[in-house]
């Protein structure tokens, strides 16, 4: 399978509950709630922030769409976005460089299962 052209890749941030397999033998599963994962332009996981308080929908209500974050300065003060922005900046990125913020895993009915194999 060929990789997409590098010009189509962008920095992305995923927020929610992640399930991964730290080992295949013996087979195990790990669950990380309230987690933020940053993926760089090469499609490589750049950072993982686990157990970030206030990310769960039941804590805050649904987050505003990412496009609104880009347009409305008041939304930048939203507690959910503040937590995401803090994690992004803590890991050397700027929110302005993030092209996509994807939420949804961890809303009580879904999760991310990216197929991580190895240590998180």
PDB file of N, CA and C in Angstrom:
ATOM      1  N   UNK A   1       0.849  -1.172   0.000  1.00  0.00           N
ATOM      2  CA  UNK A   1       0.000   0.000   0.000  1.00  0.00           C
ATOM      3  C   UNK A   1       0.891   1.230   0.000  1.00  0.00           C
ATOM      4  N   UNK A   2       0.597   2.165  -0.879  1.00  0.00           N
ATOM      5  CA  UNK A   2       1.405   3.375  -0.972  1.00  0.00           C
ATOM      6  C   UNK A   2       0.913   4.421   0.009  1.00  0.00           C
ATOM      7  N   UNK A   3       1.848   5.217   0.533  1.00  0.00           N
ATOM      8  CA  UNK A   3       1.493   6.315   1.421  1.00  0.00           C
ATOM      9  C   UNK A   3       0.973   7.472   0.589  1.00  0.00           C
ATOM     10  N   UNK A   4       0.071   8.295   1.172  1.00  0.00           N
ATOM     11  CA  UNK A   4      -0.397   9.460   0.436  1.00  0.00           C
ATOM     12  C   UNK A   4       0.757  10.440   0.246  1.00  0.00           C
ATOM     13  N   UNK A   5       0.681  11.297  -0.774  1.00  0.00           N
ATOM     14  CA  UNK A   5       1.740  12.281  -0.973  1.00  0.00           C
ATOM     15  C   UNK A   5       1.918  13.137   0.275  1.00  0.00           C
ATOM     16  N   UNK A   6       3.160  13.498   0.575  1.00  0.00           N
ATOM     17  CA  UNK A   6       3.436  14.235   1.809  1.00  0.00           C
ATOM     18  C   UNK A   6       2.697  15.561   1.867  1.00  0.00           C
ATOM     19  N   UNK A   7       2.378  16.162   0.716  1.00  0.00           N
ATOM     20  CA  UNK A   7       1.685  17.443   0.729  1.00  0.00           C
ATOM     21  C   UNK A   7       0.263  17.320   1.290  1.00  0.00           C
ATOM     22  N   UNK A   8      -0.317  16.104   1.299  1.00  0.00           N
ATOM     23  CA  UNK A   8      -1.675  15.939   1.804  1.00  0.00           C
ATOM     24  C   UNK A   8      -1.704  15.666   3.306  1.00  0.00           C
ATOM     25  N   UNK A   9      -0.551  15.412   3.910  1.00  0.00           N
ATOM     26  CA  UNK A   9      -0.517  15.129   5.335  1.00  0.00           C
ATOM     27  C   UNK A   9      -0.416  16.420   6.130  1.00  0.00           C
ATOM     28  N   UNK A  10      -1.086  16.429   7.271  1.00  0.00           N
ATOM     29  CA  UNK A  10      -1.146  17.614   8.119  1.00  0.00           C
ATOM     30  C   UNK A  10      -1.013  17.183   9.565  1.00  0.00           C
ATOM     31  N   UNK A  11      -0.691  18.137  10.427  1.00  0.00           N
ATOM     32  CA  UNK A  11      -0.704  17.835  11.862  1.00  0.00           C
ATOM     33  C   UNK A  11      -2.157  17.643  12.286  1.00  0.00           C
ATOM     34  N   UNK A  12      -2.386  16.588  13.061  1.00  0.00           N
ATOM     35  CA  UNK A  12      -3.731  16.291  13.555  1.00  0.00           C
ATOM     36  C   UNK A  12      -3.651  15.996  15.045  1.00  0.00           C
ATOM     37  N   UNK A  13      -4.710  16.335  15.739  1.00  0.00           N
ATOM     38  CA  UNK A  13      -4.821  16.040  17.160  1.00  0.00           C
ATOM     39  C   UNK A  13      -6.114  15.256  17.363  1.00  0.00           C
ATOM     40  N   UNK A  14      -5.989  14.108  18.031  1.00  0.00           N
ATOM     41  CA  UNK A  14      -7.133  13.244  18.326  1.00  0.00           C
ATOM     42  C   UNK A  14      -7.384  13.282  19.827  1.00  0.00           C
ATOM     43  N   UNK A  15      -8.665  13.355  20.193  1.00  0.00           N
ATOM     44  CA  UNK A  15      -9.048  13.480  21.597  1.00  0.00           C
ATOM     45  C   UNK A  15     -10.095  12.431  21.927  1.00  0.00           C
ATOM     46  N   UNK A  16      -9.928  11.767  23.069  1.00  0.00           N
ATOM     47  CA  UNK A  16     -10.942  10.823  23.513  1.00  0.00           C
ATOM     48  C   UNK A  16     -10.369   9.650  24.265  1.00  0.00           C
ATOM     49  N   UNK A  17     -11.053   8.526  24.161  1.00  0.00           N
ATOM     50  CA  UNK A  17     -10.630   7.281  24.792  1.00  0.00           C
ATOM     51  C   UNK A  17      -9.933   6.424  23.741  1.00  0.00           C
ATOM     52  N   UNK A  18      -8.745   5.942  24.089  1.00  0.00           N
ATOM     53  CA  UNK A  18      -7.950   5.124  23.173  1.00  0.00           C
ATOM     54  C   UNK A  18      -7.792   3.727  23.745  1.00  0.00           C
ATOM     55  N   UNK A  19      -7.910   2.738  22.876  1.00  0.00           N
ATOM     56  CA  UNK A  19      -7.661   1.346  23.246  1.00  0.00           C
ATOM     57  C   UNK A  19      -6.508   0.880  22.379  1.00  0.00           C
ATOM     58  N   UNK A  20      -5.520   0.257  22.994  1.00  0.00           N
ATOM     59  CA  UNK A  20      -4.409  -0.254  22.199  1.00  0.00           C
ATOM     60  C   UNK A  20      -3.912  -1.561  22.773  1.00  0.00           C
ATOM     61  N   UNK A  21      -3.074  -2.217  21.999  1.00  0.00           N
ATOM     62  CA  UNK A  21      -2.520  -3.513  22.389  1.00  0.00           C
ATOM     63  C   UNK A  21      -1.036  -3.341  22.703  1.00  0.00           C
ATOM     64  N   UNK A  22      -0.671  -3.257  23.979  1.00  0.00           N
ATOM     65  CA  UNK A  22       0.746  -3.070  24.312  1.00  0.00           C
ATOM     66  C   UNK A  22       1.598  -4.284  23.973  1.00  0.00           C
ATOM     67  N   UNK A  23       1.009  -5.459  24.020  1.00  0.00           N
ATOM     68  CA  UNK A  23       1.744  -6.672  23.645  1.00  0.00           C
ATOM     69  C   UNK A  23       0.800  -7.605  22.904  1.00  0.00           C
ATOM     70  N   UNK A  24       1.385  -8.367  22.012  1.00  0.00           N
ATOM     71  CA  UNK A  24       0.593  -9.356  21.291  1.00  0.00           C
ATOM     72  C   UNK A  24       0.706 -10.734  21.926  1.00  0.00           C
ATOM     73  N   UNK A  25       1.781 -10.942  22.688  1.00  0.00           N
ATOM     74  CA  UNK A  25       1.983 -12.234  23.332  1.00  0.00           C
ATOM     75  C   UNK A  25       2.487 -12.009  24.754  1.00  0.00           C
ATOM     76  N   UNK A  26       1.692 -12.181  25.765  1.00  0.00           N
ATOM     77  CA  UNK A  26       0.279 -12.556  25.690  1.00  0.00           C
ATOM     78  C   UNK A  26      -0.548 -11.365  25.205  1.00  0.00           C
ATOM     79  N   UNK A  27      -1.674 -11.619  24.550  1.00  0.00           N
ATOM     80  CA  UNK A  27      -2.505 -10.524  24.059  1.00  0.00           C
ATOM     81  C   UNK A  27      -3.099  -9.725  25.224  1.00  0.00           C
ATOM     82  N   UNK A  28      -2.951  -8.426  25.159  1.00  0.00           N
ATOM     83  CA  UNK A  28      -3.496  -7.550  26.194  1.00  0.00           C
ATOM     84  C   UNK A  28      -4.103  -6.317  25.544  1.00  0.00           C
ATOM     85  N   UNK A  29      -4.996  -5.681  26.269  1.00  0.00           N
ATOM     86  CA  UNK A  29      -5.580  -4.411  25.852  1.00  0.00           C
ATOM     87  C   UNK A  29      -5.396  -3.404  26.969  1.00  0.00           C
ATOM     88  N   UNK A  30      -5.098  -2.164  26.593  1.00  0.00           N
ATOM     89  CA  UNK A  30      -5.037  -1.065  27.553  1.00  0.00           C
ATOM     90  C   UNK A  30      -6.032  -0.004  27.112  1.00  0.00           C
ATOM     91  N   UNK A  31      -6.681   0.633  28.077  1.00  0.00           N
ATOM     92  CA  UNK A  31      -7.657   1.683  27.799  1.00  0.00           C
ATOM     93  C   UNK A  31      -7.172   2.965  28.461  1.00  0.00           C
ATOM     94  N   UNK A  32      -7.121   4.031  27.676  1.00  0.00           N
ATOM     95  CA  UNK A  32      -6.721   5.344  28.184  1.00  0.00           C
ATOM     96  C   UNK A  32      -7.844   6.331  27.908  1.00  0.00           C
ATOM     97  N   UNK A  33      -8.527   6.744  28.962  1.00  0.00           N
ATOM     98  CA  UNK A  33      -9.585   7.740  28.823  1.00  0.00           C
ATOM     99  C   UNK A  33      -8.969   9.128  28.905  1.00  0.00           C
ATOM    100  N   UNK A  34      -9.715  10.122  28.386  1.00  0.00           N
ATOM    101  CA  UNK A  34      -9.294  11.522  28.477  1.00  0.00           C
ATOM    102  C   UNK A  34      -7.869  11.708  27.972  1.00  0.00           C
ATOM    103  N   UNK A  35      -7.625  11.258  26.753  1.00  0.00           N
ATOM    104  CA  UNK A  35      -6.284  11.255  26.175  1.00  0.00           C
ATOM    105  C   UNK A  35      -6.243  12.132  24.935  1.00  0.00           C
ATOM    106  N   UNK A  36      -5.097  12.789  24.732  1.00  0.00           N
ATOM    107  CA  UNK A  36      -4.848  13.620  23.552  1.00  0.00           C
ATOM    108  C   UNK A  36      -3.638  13.040  22.838  1.00  0.00           C
ATOM    109  N   UNK A  37      -3.779  12.792  21.526  1.00  0.00           N
ATOM    110  CA  UNK A  37      -2.699  12.232  20.717  1.00  0.00           C
ATOM    111  C   UNK A  37      -2.425  13.187  19.559  1.00  0.00           C
ATOM    112  N   UNK A  38      -1.162  13.569  19.390  1.00  0.00           N
ATOM    113  CA  UNK A  38      -0.752  14.424  18.279  1.00  0.00           C
ATOM    114  C   UNK A  38      -0.028  13.607  17.226  1.00  0.00           C
ATOM    115  N   UNK A  39      -0.475  13.718  15.975  1.00  0.00           N
ATOM    116  CA  UNK A  39       0.133  13.006  14.848  1.00  0.00           C
ATOM    117  C   UNK A  39       0.709  14.049  13.894  1.00  0.00           C
ATOM    118  N   UNK A  40       2.006  13.904  13.560  1.00  0.00           N
ATOM    119  CA  UNK A  40       2.674  14.915  12.736  1.00  0.00           C
ATOM    120  C   UNK A  40       2.403  14.731  11.243  1.00  0.00           C
ATOM    121  N   UNK A  41       3.056  15.554  10.432  1.00  0.00           N
ATOM    122  CA  UNK A  41       2.832  15.560   8.982  1.00  0.00           C
ATOM    123  C   UNK A  41       3.287  14.269   8.300  1.00  0.00           C
ATOM    124  N   UNK A  42       4.126  13.505   8.959  1.00  0.00           N
ATOM    125  CA  UNK A  42       4.556  12.221   8.405  1.00  0.00           C
ATOM    126  C   UNK A  42       3.671  11.068   8.862  1.00  0.00           C
ATOM    127  N   UNK A  43       2.636  11.365   9.640  1.00  0.00           N
ATOM    128  CA  UNK A  43       1.739  10.332  10.135  1.00  0.00           C
ATOM    129  C   UNK A  43       2.277   9.599  11.350  1.00  0.00           C
ATOM    130  N   UNK A  44       3.270  10.194  12.016  1.00  0.00           N
ATOM    131  CA  UNK A  44       3.903   9.578  13.186  1.00  0.00           C
ATOM    132  C   UNK A  44       3.349  10.205  14.457  1.00  0.00           C
ATOM    133  N   UNK A  45       3.045   9.374  15.437  1.00  0.00           N
ATOM    134  CA  UNK A  45       2.573   9.890  16.718  1.00  0.00           C
ATOM    135  C   UNK A  45       3.703  10.698  17.348  1.00  0.00           C
ATOM    136  N   UNK A  46       3.437  11.972  17.588  1.00  0.00           N
ATOM    137  CA  UNK A  46       4.439  12.879  18.142  1.00  0.00           C
ATOM    138  C   UNK A  46       4.324  12.971  19.653  1.00  0.00           C
ATOM    139  N   UNK A  47       3.086  12.944  20.154  1.00  0.00           N
ATOM    140  CA  UNK A  47       2.907  13.005  21.608  1.00  0.00           C
ATOM    141  C   UNK A  47       1.608  12.339  22.021  1.00  0.00           C
ATOM    142  N   UNK A  48       1.604  11.901  23.282  1.00  0.00           N
ATOM    143  CA  UNK A  48       0.415  11.312  23.913  1.00  0.00           C
ATOM    144  C   UNK A  48       0.307  11.913  25.303  1.00  0.00           C
ATOM    145  N   UNK A  49      -0.819  12.535  25.577  1.00  0.00           N
ATOM    146  CA  UNK A  49      -1.102  13.065  26.916  1.00  0.00           C
ATOM    147  C   UNK A  49      -2.269  12.258  27.478  1.00  0.00           C
ATOM    148  N   UNK A  50      -2.018  11.521  28.557  1.00  0.00           N
ATOM    149  CA  UNK A  50      -3.048  10.662  29.157  1.00  0.00           C
ATOM    150  C   UNK A  50      -3.679  11.340  30.366  1.00  0.00           C
ATOM    151  N   UNK A  51      -4.895  10.931  30.672  1.00  0.00           N
ATOM    152  CA  UNK A  51      -5.610  11.361  31.880  1.00  0.00           C
ATOM    153  C   UNK A  51      -5.709  12.880  32.008  1.00  0.00           C
ATOM    154  N   UNK A  52      -6.080  13.545  30.921  1.00  0.00           N
ATOM    155  CA  UNK A  52      -6.261  14.995  30.939  1.00  0.00           C
ATOM    156  C   UNK A  52      -7.656  15.283  31.487  1.00  0.00           C
ATOM    157  N   UNK A  53      -7.718  15.986  32.598  1.00  0.00           N
ATOM    158  CA  UNK A  53      -9.014  16.270  33.236  1.00  0.00           C
ATOM    159  C   UNK A  53      -9.858  17.198  32.379  1.00  0.00           C
ATOM    160  N   UNK A  54     -11.173  16.969  32.397  1.00  0.00           N
ATOM    161  CA  UNK A  54     -12.113  17.866  31.742  1.00  0.00           C
ATOM    162  C   UNK A  54     -12.320  17.630  30.262  1.00  0.00           C
ATOM    163  N   UNK A  55     -11.871  16.505  29.725  1.00  0.00           N
ATOM    164  CA  UNK A  55     -12.063  16.242  28.303  1.00  0.00           C
ATOM    165  C   UNK A  55     -13.332  15.468  28.011  1.00  0.00           C
ATOM    166  N   UNK A  56     -13.842  14.750  28.985  1.00  0.00           N
ATOM    167  CA  UNK A  56     -15.001  13.886  28.762  1.00  0.00           C
ATOM    168  C   UNK A  56     -16.253  14.729  28.584  1.00  0.00           C
ATOM    169  N   UNK A  57     -17.105  14.303  27.667  1.00  0.00           N
ATOM    170  CA  UNK A  57     -18.340  15.023  27.384  1.00  0.00           C
ATOM    171  C   UNK A  57     -19.162  15.253  28.646  1.00  0.00           C
ATOM    172  N   UNK A  58     -19.204  14.263  29.532  1.00  0.00           N
ATOM    173  CA  UNK A  58     -20.018  14.426  30.742  1.00  0.00           C
ATOM    174  C   UNK A  58     -19.458  15.533  31.637  1.00  0.00           C
ATOM    175  N   UNK A  59     -18.156  15.855  31.493  1.00  0.00           N
ATOM    176  CA  UNK A  59     -17.553  16.914  32.292  1.00  0.00           C
ATOM    177  C   UNK A  59     -17.898  18.300  31.775  1.00  0.00           C
ATOM    178  N   UNK A  60     -17.982  18.474  30.457  1.00  0.00           N
ATOM    179  CA  UNK A  60     -18.069  19.799  29.866  1.00  0.00           C
ATOM    180  C   UNK A  60     -19.250  20.015  28.946  1.00  0.00           C
ATOM    181  N   UNK A  61     -19.830  18.973  28.446  1.00  0.00           N
ATOM    182  CA  UNK A  61     -20.733  19.112  27.327  1.00  0.00           C
ATOM    183  C   UNK A  61     -19.904  19.038  26.053  1.00  0.00           C
ATOM    184  N   UNK A  62     -20.554  18.968  24.894  1.00  0.00           N
ATOM    185  CA  UNK A  62     -19.801  18.794  23.655  1.00  0.00           C
ATOM    186  C   UNK A  62     -18.927  20.009  23.353  1.00  0.00           C
ATOM    187  N   UNK A  63     -17.774  19.750  22.766  1.00  0.00           N
ATOM    188  CA  UNK A  63     -16.870  20.829  22.408  1.00  0.00           C
ATOM    189  C   UNK A  63     -17.357  21.515  21.143  1.00  0.00           C
ATOM    190  N   UNK A  64     -17.011  22.795  20.959  1.00  0.00           N
ATOM    191  CA  UNK A  64     -17.396  23.481  19.727  1.00  0.00           C
ATOM    192  C   UNK A  64     -16.611  22.929  18.543  1.00  0.00           C
ATOM    193  N   UNK A  65     -17.144  23.068  17.321  1.00  0.00           N
ATOM    194  CA  UNK A  65     -16.396  22.616  16.150  1.00  0.00           C
ATOM    195  C   UNK A  65     -15.059  23.337  16.020  1.00  0.00           C
ATOM    196  N   UNK A  66     -14.056  22.655  15.490  1.00  0.00           N
ATOM    197  CA  UNK A  66     -12.705  23.205  15.378  1.00  0.00           C
ATOM    198  C   UNK A  66     -12.676  24.469  14.519  1.00  0.00           C
ATOM    199  N   UNK A  67     -13.519  24.531  13.476  1.00  0.00           N
ATOM    200  CA  UNK A  67     -13.557  25.730  12.638  1.00  0.00           C
ATOM    201  C   UNK A  67     -13.951  26.953  13.448  1.00  0.00           C
ATOM    202  N   UNK A  68     -14.836  26.779  14.415  1.00  0.00           N
ATOM    203  CA  UNK A  68     -15.226  27.893  15.271  1.00  0.00           C
ATOM    204  C   UNK A  68     -14.054  28.340  16.133  1.00  0.00           C
ATOM    205  N   UNK A  69     -13.244  27.399  16.559  1.00  0.00           N
ATOM    206  CA  UNK A  69     -12.052  27.744  17.337  1.00  0.00           C
ATOM    207  C   UNK A  69     -11.155  28.675  16.530  1.00  0.00           C
ATOM    208  N   UNK A  70     -11.009  28.379  15.255  1.00  0.00           N
ATOM    209  CA  UNK A  70     -10.145  29.189  14.398  1.00  0.00           C
ATOM    210  C   UNK A  70     -10.702  30.590  14.189  1.00  0.00           C
ATOM    211  N   UNK A  71     -12.015  30.752  14.179  1.00  0.00           N
ATOM    212  CA  UNK A  71     -12.651  32.036  13.859  1.00  0.00           C
ATOM    213  C   UNK A  71     -12.936  32.906  15.087  1.00  0.00           C
ATOM    214  N   UNK A  72     -13.367  32.303  16.167  1.00  0.00           N
ATOM    215  CA  UNK A  72     -13.913  33.049  17.302  1.00  0.00           C
ATOM    216  C   UNK A  72     -12.937  33.089  18.474  1.00  0.00           C
ATOM    217  N   UNK A  73     -12.426  34.258  18.777  1.00  0.00           N
ATOM    218  CA  UNK A  73     -11.454  34.397  19.864  1.00  0.00           C
ATOM    219  C   UNK A  73     -12.048  34.002  21.210  1.00  0.00           C
ATOM    220  N   UNK A  74     -13.355  34.178  21.409  1.00  0.00           N
ATOM    221  CA  UNK A  74     -13.973  33.817  22.686  1.00  0.00           C
ATOM    222  C   UNK A  74     -13.947  32.313  22.920  1.00  0.00           C
ATOM    223  N   UNK A  75     -14.068  31.536  21.849  1.00  0.00           N
ATOM    224  CA  UNK A  75     -14.037  30.080  21.997  1.00  0.00           C
ATOM    225  C   UNK A  75     -12.667  29.630  22.466  1.00  0.00           C
ATOM    226  N   UNK A  76     -11.632  30.405  22.144  1.00  0.00           N
ATOM    227  CA  UNK A  76     -10.283  30.027  22.566  1.00  0.00           C
ATOM    228  C   UNK A  76     -10.174  29.978  24.083  1.00  0.00           C
ATOM    229  N   UNK A  77     -11.126  30.594  24.769  1.00  0.00           N
ATOM    230  CA  UNK A  77     -11.143  30.551  26.226  1.00  0.00           C
ATOM    231  C   UNK A  77     -12.001  29.412  26.759  1.00  0.00           C
ATOM    232  N   UNK A  78     -12.611  28.644  25.871  1.00  0.00           N
ATOM    233  CA  UNK A  78     -13.396  27.484  26.258  1.00  0.00           C
ATOM    234  C   UNK A  78     -12.502  26.500  27.004  1.00  0.00           C
ATOM    235  N   UNK A  79     -12.962  25.955  28.117  1.00  0.00           N
ATOM    236  CA  UNK A  79     -12.136  25.083  28.966  1.00  0.00           C
ATOM    237  C   UNK A  79     -11.654  23.846  28.217  1.00  0.00           C
ATOM    238  N   UNK A  80     -12.509  23.269  27.361  1.00  0.00           N
ATOM    239  CA  UNK A  80     -12.111  22.081  26.606  1.00  0.00           C
ATOM    240  C   UNK A  80     -10.939  22.411  25.695  1.00  0.00           C
ATOM    241  N   UNK A  81     -11.073  23.510  24.923  1.00  0.00           N
ATOM    242  CA  UNK A  81      -9.994  23.911  24.021  1.00  0.00           C
ATOM    243  C   UNK A  81      -8.735  24.307  24.782  1.00  0.00           C
ATOM    244  N   UNK A  82      -8.906  24.915  25.943  1.00  0.00           N
ATOM    245  CA  UNK A  82      -7.736  25.296  26.734  1.00  0.00           C
ATOM    246  C   UNK A  82      -6.929  24.063  27.106  1.00  0.00           C
ATOM    247  N   UNK A  83      -7.597  22.992  27.500  1.00  0.00           N
ATOM    248  CA  UNK A  83      -6.885  21.754  27.855  1.00  0.00           C
ATOM    249  C   UNK A  83      -6.165  21.155  26.644  1.00  0.00           C
ATOM    250  N   UNK A  84      -6.832  21.167  25.501  1.00  0.00           N
ATOM    251  CA  UNK A  84      -6.207  20.642  24.286  1.00  0.00           C
ATOM    252  C   UNK A  84      -5.028  21.525  23.891  1.00  0.00           C
ATOM    253  N   UNK A  85      -5.237  22.830  23.871  1.00  0.00           N
ATOM    254  CA  UNK A  85      -4.162  23.762  23.509  1.00  0.00           C
ATOM    255  C   UNK A  85      -2.964  23.609  24.438  1.00  0.00           C
ATOM    256  N   UNK A  86      -3.206  23.481  25.727  1.00  0.00           N
ATOM    257  CA  UNK A  86      -2.108  23.315  26.683  1.00  0.00           C
ATOM    258  C   UNK A  86      -1.297  22.060  26.380  1.00  0.00           C
ATOM    259  N   UNK A  87      -1.969  20.962  26.053  1.00  0.00           N
ATOM    260  CA  UNK A  87      -1.258  19.714  25.726  1.00  0.00           C
ATOM    261  C   UNK A  87      -0.457  19.871  24.439  1.00  0.00           C
ATOM    262  N   UNK A  88      -1.046  20.530  23.458  1.00  0.00           N
ATOM    263  CA  UNK A  88      -0.364  20.752  22.176  1.00  0.00           C
ATOM    264  C   UNK A  88       0.895  21.589  22.391  1.00  0.00           C
ATOM    265  N   UNK A  89       0.755  22.693  23.113  1.00  0.00           N
ATOM    266  CA  UNK A  89       1.892  23.593  23.316  1.00  0.00           C
ATOM    267  C   UNK A  89       2.946  22.990  24.241  1.00  0.00           C
ATOM    268  N   UNK A  90       2.526  22.202  25.207  1.00  0.00           N
ATOM    269  CA  UNK A  90       3.472  21.516  26.093  1.00  0.00           C
ATOM    270  C   UNK A  90       4.420  20.625  25.304  1.00  0.00           C
ATOM    271  N   UNK A  91       3.943  20.129  24.172  1.00  0.00           N
ATOM    272  CA  UNK A  91       4.725  19.218  23.346  1.00  0.00           C
ATOM    273  C   UNK A  91       5.386  19.910  22.153  1.00  0.00           C
ATOM    274  N   UNK A  92       5.482  21.238  22.224  1.00  0.00           N
ATOM    275  CA  UNK A  92       6.246  21.984  21.230  1.00  0.00           C
ATOM    276  C   UNK A  92       5.502  22.356  19.956  1.00  0.00           C
ATOM    277  N   UNK A  93       4.217  22.114  19.903  1.00  0.00           N
ATOM    278  CA  UNK A  93       3.427  22.514  18.741  1.00  0.00           C
ATOM    279  C   UNK A  93       2.701  23.811  19.048  1.00  0.00           C
ATOM    280  N   UNK A  94       2.200  24.471  18.010  1.00  0.00           N
ATOM    281  CA  UNK A  94       1.321  25.634  18.148  1.00  0.00           C
ATOM    282  C   UNK A  94      -0.047  25.224  17.618  1.00  0.00           C
ATOM    283  N   UNK A  95      -1.087  25.675  18.286  1.00  0.00           N
ATOM    284  CA  UNK A  95      -2.448  25.335  17.862  1.00  0.00           C
ATOM    285  C   UNK A  95      -2.689  25.806  16.430  1.00  0.00           C
ATOM    286  N   UNK A  96      -2.064  26.905  16.042  1.00  0.00           N
ATOM    287  CA  UNK A  96      -2.244  27.443  14.703  1.00  0.00           C
ATOM    288  C   UNK A  96      -1.723  26.489  13.629  1.00  0.00           C
ATOM    289  N   UNK A  97      -0.801  25.597  13.994  1.00  0.00           N
ATOM    290  CA  UNK A  97      -0.227  24.647  13.038  1.00  0.00           C
ATOM    291  C   UNK A  97      -1.034  23.357  12.923  1.00  0.00           C
ATOM    292  N   UNK A  98      -2.001  23.172  13.811  1.00  0.00           N
ATOM    293  CA  UNK A  98      -2.842  21.970  13.777  1.00  0.00           C
ATOM    294  C   UNK A  98      -3.928  22.192  12.734  1.00  0.00           C
ATOM    295  N   UNK A  99      -3.938  21.323  11.725  1.00  0.00           N
ATOM    296  CA  UNK A  99      -4.907  21.466  10.638  1.00  0.00           C
ATOM    297  C   UNK A  99      -6.215  20.752  10.935  1.00  0.00           C
ATOM    298  N   UNK A 100      -6.175  19.763  11.818  1.00  0.00           N
ATOM    299  CA  UNK A 100      -7.391  19.013  12.106  1.00  0.00           C
ATOM    300  C   UNK A 100      -7.392  18.588  13.565  1.00  0.00           C
ATOM    301  N   UNK A 101      -8.513  18.830  14.228  1.00  0.00           N
ATOM    302  CA  UNK A 101      -8.735  18.391  15.600  1.00  0.00           C
ATOM    303  C   UNK A 101      -9.914  17.439  15.553  1.00  0.00           C
ATOM    304  N   UNK A 102      -9.655  16.167  15.886  1.00  0.00           N
ATOM    305  CA  UNK A 102     -10.673  15.136  15.733  1.00  0.00           C
ATOM    306  C   UNK A 102     -11.059  14.622  17.108  1.00  0.00           C
ATOM    307  N   UNK A 103     -12.318  14.781  17.446  1.00  0.00           N
ATOM    308  CA  UNK A 103     -12.832  14.316  18.723  1.00  0.00           C
ATOM    309  C   UNK A 103     -13.901  13.285  18.442  1.00  0.00           C
ATOM    310  N   UNK A 104     -14.225  12.506  19.436  1.00  0.00           N
ATOM    311  CA  UNK A 104     -15.312  11.555  19.248  1.00  0.00           C
ATOM    312  C   UNK A 104     -15.088  10.283  20.008  1.00  0.00           C
ATOM    313  N   UNK A 105     -13.864   9.813  20.073  1.00  0.00           N
ATOM    314  CA  UNK A 105     -13.608   8.645  20.889  1.00  0.00           C
ATOM    315  C   UNK A 105     -13.762   9.032  22.340  1.00  0.00           C
ATOM    316  N   UNK A 106     -14.610   8.343  23.061  1.00  0.00           N
ATOM    317  CA  UNK A 106     -14.745   8.623  24.486  1.00  0.00           C
ATOM    318  C   UNK A 106     -15.985   9.377  24.863  1.00  0.00           C
ATOM    319  N   UNK A 107     -16.949   9.421  23.973  1.00  0.00           N
ATOM    320  CA  UNK A 107     -18.173  10.128  24.318  1.00  0.00           C
ATOM    321  C   UNK A 107     -19.197   9.199  24.967  1.00  0.00           C
ATOM    322  N   UNK A 108     -18.712   8.083  25.455  1.00  0.00           N
ATOM    323  CA  UNK A 108     -19.594   7.140  26.125  1.00  0.00           C
ATOM    324  C   UNK A 108     -20.087   6.033  25.219  1.00  0.00           C
ATOM    325  N   UNK A 109     -19.974   6.227  23.906  1.00  0.00           N
ATOM    326  CA  UNK A 109     -20.432   5.209  22.970  1.00  0.00           C
ATOM    327  C   UNK A 109     -19.375   4.857  21.928  1.00  0.00           C
ATOM    328  N   UNK A 110     -18.229   5.512  21.951  1.00  0.00           N
ATOM    329  CA  UNK A 110     -17.206   5.215  20.949  1.00  0.00           C
ATOM    330  C   UNK A 110     -15.814   5.405  21.544  1.00  0.00           C
ATOM    331  N   UNK A 111     -14.816   4.940  20.794  1.00  0.00           N
ATOM    332  CA  UNK A 111     -13.440   5.079  21.243  1.00  0.00           C
ATOM    333  C   UNK A 111     -12.541   4.972  20.025  1.00  0.00           C
ATOM    334  N   UNK A 112     -11.284   5.362  20.191  1.00  0.00           N
ATOM    335  CA  UNK A 112     -10.269   5.208  19.150  1.00  0.00           C
ATOM    336  C   UNK A 112      -9.561   3.876  19.387  1.00  0.00           C
ATOM    337  N   UNK A 113      -9.366   3.128  18.326  1.00  0.00           N
ATOM    338  CA  UNK A 113      -8.622   1.873  18.406  1.00  0.00           C
ATOM    339  C   UNK A 113      -7.618   1.890  17.259  1.00  0.00           C
ATOM    340  N   UNK A 114      -6.544   2.672  17.405  1.00  0.00           N
ATOM    341  CA  UNK A 114      -5.650   2.897  16.286  1.00  0.00           C
ATOM    342  C   UNK A 114      -4.694   1.750  15.980  1.00  0.00           C
ATOM    343  N   UNK A 115      -4.710   0.687  16.768  1.00  0.00           N
ATOM    344  CA  UNK A 115      -3.810  -0.418  16.505  1.00  0.00           C
ATOM    345  C   UNK A 115      -2.409  -0.182  17.010  1.00  0.00           C
ATOM    346  N   UNK A 116      -2.292   0.610  18.065  1.00  0.00           N
ATOM    347  CA  UNK A 116      -0.978   0.826  18.660  1.00  0.00           C
ATOM    348  C   UNK A 116      -0.426  -0.510  19.132  1.00  0.00           C
ATOM    349  N   UNK A 117       0.765  -0.828  18.753  1.00  0.00           N
ATOM    350  CA  UNK A 117       1.456  -1.998  19.262  1.00  0.00           C
ATOM    351  C   UNK A 117       2.763  -1.491  19.811  1.00  0.00           C
ATOM    352  N   UNK A 118       2.955  -1.653  21.072  1.00  0.00           N
ATOM    353  CA  UNK A 118       4.162  -1.132  21.713  1.00  0.00           C
ATOM    354  C   UNK A 118       3.778  -0.359  22.947  1.00  0.00           C
ATOM    355  N   UNK A 119       4.733   0.321  23.497  1.00  0.00           N
ATOM    356  CA  UNK A 119       4.523   1.017  24.767  1.00  0.00           C
ATOM    357  C   UNK A 119       3.997   2.410  24.540  1.00  0.00           C
ATOM    358  N   UNK A 120       2.942   2.778  25.260  1.00  0.00           N
ATOM    359  CA  UNK A 120       2.415   4.147  25.232  1.00  0.00           C
ATOM    360  C   UNK A 120       2.853   4.870  26.468  1.00  0.00           C
TER     361      UNK A 120
END
